[in-house]
Amino acid sequence: MKLRISTLTRDLSRKDKIAFYVPLVWLCAVVFLSLAAPLLTMRVELKELPVVKPTSASSTTTLPTGNTQNPGGVTNLGGGETATTSAPATSTTVPGSTTTTPTSGTPSEVATEKRLVAVDPIIPIPGFKLKPWDRSWDTVKETPSPRIPGQGPSGDHWLGTDELGRDMLSRLIWGGRVALAVGIVSVLVAMVIGGSLGMLSGYLRGRTETFLMTIVGSLLAFPALILVIAIVAFLGQDLQNIVVAIAIVAIPSFARISYANTLAASQREYVLAARSLGASRFRILRREILPNIFLPLSAYALVVTAVAIVAEGGLAFLGLSVPDPKPSWGSMINDGRKPLTLDGIWHISFIPAFVMFSTVLSLNLIVDRIRQIAEGKESKL
């Protein structure tokens, strides 16, 4: 059965269609902005650039504080690092920065050094230049534009700034990449592995069923949150480790769903007919059973995706997700607790919480419609 938008909205009223399309548009916007983040936002890259080094004593020239143009677009980031803006025919204003020039008449040599380069968006949109969030720009004191911690929404920062003056919209977009990566990749891995185990157990039965379902039941005996925290604490705070931890926790549930639906589908007339015609087990599983259990698995996968996004946010809130300064929605909510309590700055926590809530709610609303389609199909069999 081909799952199309027209199939999902065929029997819906106008009000129900609006309730379906609004969550769908929200999810599409979240996915598009997350995937297009490198195209729309400034970023910082570590590149090897040619640097002229004097072979003898050199003198240090300090640029006076103020609107002084820095030729070449080199920005001092502190700690021996510099950032060079790559925008052509432009200059960066750097108050209080220092440049080193060789003494007049002394020989010099050209070498290469790794420097942090601030790269403009690939697709610049007028009035929509999102500020970078990279580590170098989190620690720099003198930046091309002044930081205003806790600033509300404005023309320069559409959703305001956080407690360190970083742009909230840019961090939300990049945090969405973490949430979607965890939600989609972990669920796909769990659905493939768990679905395969459930199909084999439900169709082959016997010792295979006993062995595989015993392993699945053992994994279900562990509390999910404690198991995820233990795996992440053992493997380390990394995006790949978080994906692995959530996938391991989600595999047993997918195996149970696949096992139950395979048991029901294996007794259908079309499966018995294929078996009597001499079809192999692999062909029956691939051509007869899998297409009929895919829709329930897909609906459940969307539910688990929402749970995985919330789980990643919970890990980030506990400080066990991707390390700072890489943003995630959960860490942004956690970062806003202190400003909310002490200064009453509400948008730092509220905005990422609202985005996470809207994303999870949209997934659940779409799942309800897919579930109705699956139940209608079962009733016709």
Protein backbone atom coordinates (compact mmCIF):
# COMPACT_ATOMS: atom_id res chain seq x y z
CA MET A 1 0.00 0.00 0.00
CA LYS A 2 1.47 3.31 -1.04
CA LEU A 3 1.25 5.92 1.71
CA ARG A 4 0.41 9.26 0.11
CA ILE A 5 -0.82 12.58 1.48
CA SER A 6 -4.06 12.18 -0.47
CA THR A 7 -4.59 8.78 1.18
CA LEU A 8 -4.13 10.24 4.64
CA THR A 9 -6.57 13.11 4.05
CA ARG A 10 -9.13 11.37 1.84
CA ASP A 11 -11.98 11.11 4.37
CA LEU A 12 -11.11 14.13 6.52
CA SER A 13 -13.26 17.19 6.96
CA ARG A 14 -11.88 20.65 6.38
CA LYS A 15 -11.21 21.16 10.07
CA ASP A 16 -9.41 17.82 10.35
CA LYS A 17 -7.36 18.59 7.23
CA ILE A 18 -6.16 21.82 8.83
CA ALA A 19 -5.29 19.89 11.99
CA PHE A 20 -3.25 17.49 9.83
CA TYR A 21 -1.51 19.91 7.49
CA VAL A 22 -0.40 22.40 10.18
CA PRO A 23 1.74 19.81 12.04
CA LEU A 24 3.04 18.52 8.71
CA VAL A 25 4.14 22.01 7.64
CA TRP A 26 5.80 22.56 11.02
CA LEU A 27 7.78 19.34 10.71
CA CYS A 28 8.82 20.18 7.16
CA ALA A 29 10.02 23.61 8.31
CA VAL A 30 12.03 22.11 11.18
CA VAL A 31 13.64 19.54 8.88
CA PHE A 32 14.39 22.10 6.15
CA LEU A 33 15.98 24.64 8.51
CA SER A 34 18.01 21.95 10.24
CA LEU A 35 19.34 20.55 6.97
CA ALA A 36 19.96 24.02 5.52
CA ALA A 37 21.73 25.38 8.61
CA PRO A 38 25.20 25.44 6.95
CA LEU A 39 23.69 27.33 4.02
CA LEU A 40 21.93 30.02 6.07
CA THR A 41 24.20 30.58 9.07
CA MET A 42 27.71 31.81 9.60
CA ARG A 43 30.14 29.17 10.76
CA VAL A 44 33.73 28.93 11.91
CA GLU A 45 36.23 26.64 10.21
CA LEU A 46 39.83 25.76 11.02
CA LYS A 47 41.96 26.38 7.94
CA GLU A 48 45.64 26.60 7.11
CA LEU A 49 46.43 30.12 5.96
CA PRO A 50 49.73 31.64 4.76
CA VAL A 51 51.31 33.85 7.43
CA VAL A 52 54.36 36.08 7.02
CA LYS A 53 56.74 35.46 9.92
CA PRO A 54 59.78 37.64 10.56
CA THR A 55 63.10 35.84 10.93
CA SER A 56 64.37 38.39 13.44
CA ALA A 57 62.93 40.55 16.19
CA SER A 58 59.51 41.95 15.43
CA SER A 59 57.58 44.87 16.78
CA THR A 60 54.00 44.73 17.99
CA THR A 61 51.56 47.37 16.86
CA THR A 62 48.35 47.81 18.82
CA LEU A 63 45.35 49.12 17.00
CA PRO A 64 43.56 51.80 19.01
CA THR A 65 40.18 51.01 20.47
CA GLY A 66 37.31 52.17 18.28
CA ASN A 67 36.00 51.64 14.82
CA THR A 68 39.36 50.59 13.33
CA GLN A 69 39.39 48.55 10.21
CA ASN A 70 41.49 45.41 10.31
CA PRO A 71 43.05 44.83 6.85
CA GLY A 72 42.71 41.28 5.65
CA GLY A 73 39.76 40.57 7.89
CA VAL A 74 41.81 38.93 10.67
CA THR A 75 40.14 38.87 14.09
CA ASN A 76 42.01 38.10 17.28
CA LEU A 77 40.14 35.38 19.21
CA GLY A 78 42.45 35.20 22.19
CA GLY A 79 44.59 32.24 23.27
CA GLY A 80 46.83 32.53 20.23
CA GLU A 81 44.00 32.03 17.75
CA THR A 82 42.71 34.36 15.08
CA ALA A 83 39.61 34.38 12.91
CA THR A 84 39.65 35.66 9.36
CA THR A 85 36.43 36.72 7.67
CA SER A 86 36.19 35.38 4.16
CA ALA A 87 33.69 37.90 2.79
CA PRO A 88 35.26 39.56 -0.26
CA ALA A 89 35.93 43.29 -0.32
CA THR A 90 34.84 43.75 3.30
CA SER A 91 36.63 44.56 6.53
CA THR A 92 35.96 43.62 10.11
CA THR A 93 35.92 46.13 12.95
CA VAL A 94 37.94 44.78 15.86
CA PRO A 95 38.23 47.02 18.93
CA GLY A 96 41.38 46.64 20.98
CA SER A 97 42.96 43.85 18.86
CA THR A 98 46.70 43.50 18.18
CA THR A 99 48.64 42.72 15.03
CA THR A 100 52.28 41.76 14.72
CA THR A 101 54.33 43.33 11.94
CA PRO A 102 57.97 42.65 11.23
CA THR A 103 60.53 45.38 11.90
CA SER A 104 61.29 47.50 8.86
CA GLY A 105 64.12 46.09 6.83
CA THR A 106 64.18 42.67 8.50
CA PRO A 107 63.86 39.54 6.36
CA SER A 108 60.69 37.48 6.64
CA GLU A 109 59.43 34.08 5.54
CA VAL A 110 56.00 32.77 4.57
CA ALA A 111 54.61 29.88 6.63
CA THR A 112 51.21 28.29 7.17
CA GLU A 113 49.26 28.36 10.40
CA LYS A 114 45.91 26.94 11.39
CA ARG A 115 43.50 29.77 12.02
CA LEU A 116 39.80 29.97 12.79
CA VAL A 117 38.04 31.47 9.78
CA ALA A 118 34.57 32.98 10.06
CA VAL A 119 32.75 31.96 6.87
CA ASP A 120 29.68 33.79 5.63
CA PRO A 121 26.51 31.86 4.73
CA ILE A 122 26.60 29.99 1.43
CA ILE A 123 23.20 31.44 0.54
CA PRO A 124 23.09 34.89 2.14
CA ILE A 125 19.61 36.33 2.65
CA PRO A 126 19.34 40.10 3.17
CA GLY A 127 18.58 40.83 6.80
CA PHE A 128 18.87 37.15 7.73
CA LYS A 129 22.51 36.61 8.69
CA LEU A 130 22.38 34.30 11.70
CA LYS A 131 25.19 34.65 14.19
CA PRO A 132 27.58 31.72 14.64
CA TRP A 133 27.62 29.56 17.73
CA ASP A 134 31.01 27.87 17.35
CA ARG A 135 33.35 27.48 20.33
CA SER A 136 35.74 30.19 19.16
CA TRP A 137 32.90 32.69 18.96
CA ASP A 138 31.65 31.65 22.39
CA THR A 139 34.95 32.58 24.06
CA VAL A 140 36.01 35.63 22.07
CA LYS A 141 35.72 38.95 23.87
CA GLU A 142 35.98 41.26 20.88
CA THR A 143 33.61 40.22 18.10
CA PRO A 144 32.54 42.06 14.95
CA SER A 145 29.18 42.78 16.60
CA PRO A 146 28.76 43.47 20.31
CA ARG A 147 27.11 40.83 22.47
CA ILE A 148 24.08 41.68 24.57
CA PRO A 149 23.29 38.80 26.95
CA GLY A 150 19.61 38.08 27.49
CA GLN A 151 18.42 40.48 24.81
CA GLY A 152 14.82 40.05 23.68
CA PRO A 153 13.70 39.65 20.07
CA SER A 154 15.00 42.39 17.80
CA GLY A 155 15.89 43.10 14.19
CA ASP A 156 19.40 41.68 14.58
CA HIS A 157 18.30 38.71 16.69
CA TRP A 158 14.81 37.58 15.72
CA LEU A 159 14.40 35.38 18.82
CA GLY A 160 16.78 37.28 21.07
CA THR A 161 20.05 36.15 22.62
CA ASP A 162 20.91 33.72 25.39
CA GLU A 163 22.74 34.33 28.64
CA LEU A 164 26.07 34.65 26.78
CA GLY A 165 24.75 36.88 23.99
CA ARG A 166 24.55 34.12 21.37
CA ASP A 167 21.78 34.24 18.78
CA MET A 168 18.84 32.04 19.84
CA LEU A 169 17.50 31.38 16.34
CA SER A 170 20.85 30.15 15.08
CA ARG A 171 21.28 27.85 18.08
CA LEU A 172 17.73 26.52 17.68
CA ILE A 173 18.43 25.60 14.06
CA TRP A 174 21.69 23.85 14.88
CA GLY A 175 20.11 22.22 17.92
CA GLY A 176 17.42 20.84 15.62
CA ARG A 177 20.13 18.96 13.72
CA VAL A 178 21.05 17.13 16.94
CA ALA A 179 17.42 16.35 17.79
CA LEU A 180 16.60 15.10 14.29
CA ALA A 181 19.81 13.08 14.04
CA VAL A 182 19.07 11.32 17.31
CA GLY A 183 15.38 10.86 16.57
CA ILE A 184 15.64 9.65 12.97
CA VAL A 185 18.87 7.64 12.97
CA SER A 186 18.27 5.83 16.26
CA VAL A 187 14.70 4.96 15.26
CA LEU A 188 15.75 3.68 11.83
CA VAL A 189 18.43 1.47 13.37
CA ALA A 190 16.02 0.17 16.01
CA MET A 191 13.24 -0.43 13.47
CA VAL A 192 15.50 -2.41 11.11
CA ILE A 193 17.05 -4.57 13.83
CA GLY A 194 14.00 -4.94 16.04
CA GLY A 195 11.63 -5.42 13.10
CA SER A 196 13.84 -8.16 11.66
CA LEU A 197 14.07 -9.97 14.98
CA GLY A 198 10.30 -9.79 15.44
CA MET A 199 9.58 -11.09 11.94
CA LEU A 200 11.93 -14.03 12.36
CA SER A 201 10.45 -14.90 15.76
CA GLY A 202 6.85 -14.61 14.61
CA TYR A 203 7.27 -16.61 11.42
CA LEU A 204 9.85 -19.28 12.28
CA ARG A 205 8.52 -19.94 15.80
CA GLY A 206 10.07 -22.81 17.80
CA ARG A 207 13.52 -22.38 19.30
CA THR A 208 14.17 -19.22 17.31
CA GLU A 209 11.12 -17.59 18.86
CA THR A 210 12.09 -18.70 22.37
CA PHE A 211 15.70 -17.53 22.07
CA LEU A 212 15.01 -14.13 20.48
CA MET A 213 12.01 -13.25 22.63
CA THR A 214 13.98 -14.14 25.77
CA ILE A 215 16.64 -11.60 24.80
CA VAL A 216 13.97 -9.00 24.00
CA GLY A 217 12.22 -9.61 27.30
CA SER A 218 15.51 -9.26 29.18
CA LEU A 219 16.16 -5.86 27.59
CA LEU A 220 12.62 -4.73 28.40
CA ALA A 221 13.23 -5.58 32.06
CA PHE A 222 15.75 -2.71 32.39
CA PRO A 223 14.37 0.78 33.08
CA ALA A 224 14.80 2.64 29.79
CA LEU A 225 16.06 5.95 31.20
CA ILE A 226 18.57 4.34 33.54
CA LEU A 227 19.85 2.11 30.73
CA VAL A 228 20.32 5.10 28.39
CA ILE A 229 22.15 7.09 31.09
CA ALA A 230 24.38 4.10 31.87
CA ILE A 231 25.30 3.55 28.21
CA VAL A 232 26.04 7.22 27.58
CA ALA A 233 28.08 7.49 30.78
CA PHE A 234 30.07 4.41 29.78
CA LEU A 235 30.64 5.29 26.12
CA GLY A 236 31.02 9.07 26.60
CA GLN A 237 29.15 12.23 25.65
CA ASP A 238 29.01 12.04 21.89
CA LEU A 239 26.24 12.22 19.32
CA GLN A 240 27.00 8.74 18.00
CA ASN A 241 26.94 7.25 21.50
CA ILE A 242 23.57 8.87 22.22
CA VAL A 243 22.17 7.41 18.99
CA VAL A 244 23.50 3.96 19.94
CA ALA A 245 22.07 4.18 23.46
CA ILE A 246 18.57 5.19 22.35
CA ALA A 247 18.60 2.61 19.53
CA ILE A 248 19.48 -0.19 21.98
CA VAL A 249 16.60 0.84 24.25
CA ALA A 250 14.14 1.06 21.33
CA ILE A 251 15.00 -2.30 19.70
CA PRO A 252 12.91 -4.48 22.09
CA SER A 253 9.74 -2.44 21.58
CA PHE A 254 10.05 -2.66 17.79
CA ALA A 255 10.68 -6.38 18.08
CA ARG A 256 7.48 -6.81 20.08
CA ILE A 257 5.39 -4.81 17.61
CA SER A 258 6.84 -6.71 14.65
CA TYR A 259 6.43 -10.05 16.42
CA ALA A 260 2.74 -9.48 17.20
CA ASN A 261 1.89 -8.30 13.69
CA THR A 262 3.87 -11.14 12.10
CA LEU A 263 1.96 -13.71 14.14
CA ALA A 264 -1.31 -12.30 12.83
CA ALA A 265 -0.13 -11.92 9.21
CA SER A 266 1.43 -15.40 9.00
CA GLN A 267 -2.02 -16.99 9.37
CA ARG A 268 -3.59 -15.01 6.51
CA GLU A 269 -4.78 -16.76 3.37
CA TYR A 270 -2.24 -15.08 1.07
CA VAL A 271 0.64 -16.33 3.24
CA LEU A 272 -0.76 -19.86 3.31
CA ALA A 273 -1.26 -19.75 -0.45
CA ALA A 274 2.34 -18.60 -1.05
CA ARG A 275 3.61 -21.33 1.24
CA SER A 276 1.58 -24.00 -0.57
CA LEU A 277 2.97 -22.81 -3.92
CA GLY A 278 6.49 -23.52 -2.69
CA ALA A 279 7.68 -19.96 -2.00
CA SER A 280 10.80 -19.72 0.14
CA ARG A 281 10.74 -18.34 3.67
CA PHE A 282 12.71 -15.28 2.63
CA ARG A 283 10.29 -14.53 -0.22
CA ILE A 284 7.28 -14.89 2.06
CA LEU A 285 8.81 -12.60 4.66
CA ARG A 286 9.82 -10.02 2.05
CA ARG A 287 6.83 -10.07 -0.30
CA GLU A 288 3.90 -11.10 1.87
CA ILE A 289 4.53 -10.24 5.52
CA LEU A 290 6.75 -7.15 5.43
CA PRO A 291 4.38 -4.97 3.33
CA ASN A 292 1.52 -5.75 5.73
CA ILE A 293 3.41 -4.94 8.94
CA PHE A 294 5.26 -1.90 7.58
CA LEU A 295 2.41 0.55 8.21
CA PRO A 296 2.05 -0.29 11.93
CA LEU A 297 5.82 -0.16 12.30
CA SER A 298 5.95 3.23 10.58
CA ALA A 299 3.28 4.67 12.86
CA TYR A 300 5.09 3.36 15.90
CA ALA A 301 8.39 4.69 14.54
CA LEU A 302 7.00 8.24 14.56
CA VAL A 303 5.95 7.80 18.18
CA VAL A 304 9.42 6.53 19.11
CA THR A 305 10.96 9.45 17.19
CA ALA A 306 9.08 11.87 19.42
CA VAL A 307 10.17 9.92 22.50
CA ALA A 308 13.79 9.91 21.28
CA ILE A 309 13.75 13.70 20.83
CA VAL A 310 12.43 14.11 24.37
CA ALA A 311 15.00 11.59 25.66
CA GLU A 312 17.86 13.51 24.05
CA GLY A 313 16.50 16.71 25.56
CA GLY A 314 16.38 15.02 28.97
CA LEU A 315 19.98 13.85 28.61
CA ALA A 316 21.04 17.36 27.59
CA PHE A 317 19.16 18.80 30.57
CA LEU A 318 21.17 16.44 32.80
CA GLY A 319 24.42 17.40 31.05
CA LEU A 320 24.86 14.01 29.29
CA SER A 321 24.20 15.04 25.69
CA VAL A 322 26.56 16.63 23.17
CA PRO A 323 29.20 18.74 24.98
CA ASP A 324 29.15 22.52 25.01
CA PRO A 325 29.15 24.76 23.07
CA LYS A 326 27.36 22.57 20.53
CA PRO A 327 23.70 23.44 21.05
CA SER A 328 20.77 21.12 21.65
CA TRP A 329 17.24 21.97 22.66
CA GLY A 330 17.59 20.34 26.06
CA SER A 331 20.82 22.16 26.91
CA MET A 332 19.27 25.47 25.84
CA ILE A 333 16.37 24.86 28.23
CA ASN A 334 18.84 24.06 30.99
CA ASP A 335 20.92 27.17 30.23
CA GLY A 336 17.86 29.37 30.71
CA ARG A 337 17.03 28.18 34.22
CA LYS A 338 19.34 30.57 36.03
CA PRO A 339 18.40 33.72 34.02
CA LEU A 340 14.73 32.81 34.49
CA THR A 341 15.09 32.45 38.26
CA LEU A 342 17.38 35.39 38.96
CA ASP A 343 16.56 37.95 36.27
CA GLY A 344 13.14 36.88 35.00
CA ILE A 345 14.43 36.39 31.43
CA TRP A 346 11.90 33.88 30.17
CA HIS A 347 12.62 33.53 26.45
CA ILE A 348 15.91 31.62 26.87
CA SER A 349 14.08 28.56 28.26
CA PHE A 350 10.62 29.09 26.81
CA ILE A 351 11.54 29.26 23.11
CA PRO A 352 13.46 25.94 22.88
CA ALA A 353 10.84 24.28 25.11
CA PHE A 354 8.08 25.50 22.79
CA VAL A 355 9.94 24.26 19.70
CA MET A 356 10.45 20.81 21.25
CA PHE A 357 6.82 20.67 22.39
CA SER A 358 5.50 21.66 18.96
CA THR A 359 7.70 19.11 17.18
CA VAL A 360 6.66 16.25 19.45
CA LEU A 361 2.99 17.25 19.26
CA SER A 362 3.15 17.40 15.46
CA LEU A 363 4.58 13.90 15.29
CA ASN A 364 1.84 12.56 17.55
CA LEU A 365 -0.94 14.20 15.52
CA ILE A 366 0.37 12.70 12.29
CA VAL A 367 0.71 9.30 13.97
CA ASP A 368 -2.97 9.37 14.93
CA ARG A 369 -3.99 9.69 11.29
CA ILE A 370 -1.60 6.92 10.16
CA ARG A 371 -2.97 4.68 12.91
CA GLN A 372 -6.51 5.28 11.65
CA ILE A 373 -5.40 4.27 8.14
CA ALA A 374 -3.79 1.11 9.50
CA GLU A 375 -6.89 0.15 11.49
CA GLY A 376 -9.11 0.72 8.43
CA LYS A 377 -6.88 -1.50 6.36
CA GLU A 378 -6.97 -4.26 8.96
CA SER A 379 -10.75 -4.15 9.08
CA LYS A 380 -10.94 -4.77 5.32
CA LEU A 381 -8.76 -7.88 5.46
